[in-house]
C-alpha atoms as a PDB file:
ATOM      1  CA  MET A   1       0.000   0.000   0.000  1.00  0.00           C
ATOM      2  CA  THR A   2       1.359   3.402  -0.991  1.00  0.00           C
ATOM      3  CA  VAL A   3       0.702   6.442   1.150  1.00  0.00           C
ATOM      4  CA  GLU A   4      -0.072   9.481  -0.970  1.00  0.00           C
ATOM      5  CA  PRO A   5       0.532  13.008   0.343  1.00  0.00           C
ATOM      6  CA  MET A   6      -2.635  14.551   1.772  1.00  0.00           C
ATOM      7  CA  ARG A   7      -2.281  17.602  -0.417  1.00  0.00           C
ATOM      8  CA  GLN A   8      -3.526  15.502  -3.314  1.00  0.00           C
ATOM      9  CA  TYR A   9      -6.826  14.937  -1.526  1.00  0.00           C
ATOM     10  CA  TYR A  10      -7.402  18.252   0.226  1.00  0.00           C
ATOM     11  CA  LYS A  11      -6.980  21.710  -1.146  1.00  0.00           C
ATOM     12  CA  ILE A  12      -5.192  23.561   1.634  1.00  0.00           C
ATOM     13  CA  THR A  13      -5.066  27.307   1.365  1.00  0.00           C
ATOM     14  CA  MET A  14      -2.450  29.213   3.304  1.00  0.00           C
ATOM     15  CA  LYS A  15      -5.091  31.608   4.647  1.00  0.00           C
ATOM     16  CA  SER A  16      -6.564  28.668   6.540  1.00  0.00           C
ATOM     17  CA  ILE A  17      -3.566  28.774   8.861  1.00  0.00           C
ATOM     18  CA  THR A  18      -3.923  30.685  12.127  1.00  0.00           C
ATOM     19  CA  ILE A  19      -0.935  31.449  14.286  1.00  0.00           C
ATOM     20  CA  SER A  20      -1.702  32.151  17.933  1.00  0.00           C
ATOM     21  CA  ILE A  21       0.701  34.356  19.858  1.00  0.00           C
ATOM     22  CA  VAL A  22       0.413  35.019  23.588  1.00  0.00           C
ATOM     23  CA  THR A  23       2.403  37.797  25.251  1.00  0.00           C
ATOM     24  CA  PRO A  24       2.335  37.747  29.045  1.00  0.00           C
ATOM     25  CA  THR A  25       3.300  41.077  30.574  1.00  0.00           C
ATOM     26  CA  TYR A  26       3.798  42.637  33.978  1.00  0.00           C
ATOM     27  CA  ASN A  27       5.101  46.196  34.386  1.00  0.00           C
ATOM     28  CA  GLN A  28       6.608  46.263  30.910  1.00  0.00           C
ATOM     29  CA  ALA A  29       5.206  49.581  29.664  1.00  0.00           C
ATOM     30  CA  GLN A  30       8.537  50.620  28.187  1.00  0.00           C
ATOM     31  CA  PHE A  31       8.714  47.461  26.012  1.00  0.00           C
ATOM     32  CA  ILE A  32       5.152  46.332  25.286  1.00  0.00           C
ATOM     33  CA  GLY A  33       4.546  48.879  22.501  1.00  0.00           C
ATOM     34  CA  GLN A  34       7.562  47.653  20.554  1.00  0.00           C
ATOM     35  CA  THR A  35       6.485  44.051  21.138  1.00  0.00           C
ATOM     36  CA  ILE A  36       2.992  44.734  19.812  1.00  0.00           C
ATOM     37  CA  GLU A  37       4.373  46.593  16.782  1.00  0.00           C
ATOM     38  CA  SER A  38       6.642  43.654  16.019  1.00  0.00           C
ATOM     39  CA  ILE A  39       3.775  41.164  16.105  1.00  0.00           C
ATOM     40  CA  LEU A  40       1.427  43.355  14.064  1.00  0.00           C
ATOM     41  CA  SER A  41       4.069  43.946  11.384  1.00  0.00           C
ATOM     42  CA  GLN A  42       4.326  40.257  10.504  1.00  0.00           C
ATOM     43  CA  GLU A  43       3.198  39.520   6.967  1.00  0.00           C
ATOM     44  CA  GLY A  44       2.287  36.300   5.285  1.00  0.00           C
ATOM     45  CA  ASP A  45      -0.540  34.087   4.123  1.00  0.00           C
ATOM     46  CA  PHE A  46      -1.889  33.450   7.606  1.00  0.00           C
ATOM     47  CA  PHE A  47      -4.114  34.933  10.266  1.00  0.00           C
ATOM     48  CA  ILE A  48      -2.691  36.031  13.622  1.00  0.00           C
ATOM     49  CA  ASP A  49      -4.631  35.461  16.828  1.00  0.00           C
ATOM     50  CA  TYR A  50      -2.839  37.792  19.234  1.00  0.00           C
ATOM     51  CA  ILE A  51      -3.508  37.696  22.977  1.00  0.00           C
ATOM     52  CA  ILE A  52      -1.853  39.943  25.549  1.00  0.00           C
ATOM     53  CA  VAL A  53      -2.147  38.882  29.177  1.00  0.00           C
ATOM     54  CA  ASN A  54      -1.510  41.780  31.539  1.00  0.00           C
ATOM     55  CA  ASP A  55      -0.988  40.322  35.009  1.00  0.00           C
ATOM     56  CA  GLY A  56      -2.033  43.371  37.023  1.00  0.00           C
ATOM     57  CA  SER A  57       0.712  45.778  36.053  1.00  0.00           C
ATOM     58  CA  THR A  58       1.035  48.825  38.300  1.00  0.00           C
ATOM     59  CA  ASP A  59       2.769  50.994  35.688  1.00  0.00           C
ATOM     60  CA  ASN A  60       1.070  52.292  32.525  1.00  0.00           C
ATOM     61  CA  THR A  61       1.262  48.988  30.624  1.00  0.00           C
ATOM     62  CA  SER A  62      -2.553  48.919  30.302  1.00  0.00           C
ATOM     63  CA  GLU A  63      -2.625  52.358  28.721  1.00  0.00           C
ATOM     64  CA  VAL A  64      -0.009  51.377  26.146  1.00  0.00           C
ATOM     65  CA  ILE A  65      -1.929  48.191  25.270  1.00  0.00           C
ATOM     66  CA  GLU A  66      -5.217  50.093  24.939  1.00  0.00           C
ATOM     67  CA  LYS A  67      -3.695  52.277  22.222  1.00  0.00           C
ATOM     68  CA  TYR A  68      -3.719  49.188  19.980  1.00  0.00           C
ATOM     69  CA  ASP A  69      -7.258  48.084  20.784  1.00  0.00           C
END
């Protein structure tokens, strides 16, 4: 029995790929903007599911994140 590659049986489009990225943060206001910009600048034939988890920062991390909402 020969195993054929699945791509012969299923048409797979690159846009069907979703990449999930999780950025945990705590008091990282001075860096989180650059991190978000880096993630959002990624280009390709895929969707990005981007989650930022702010663990109760006491600096202005929340304010920086909200600028991208």
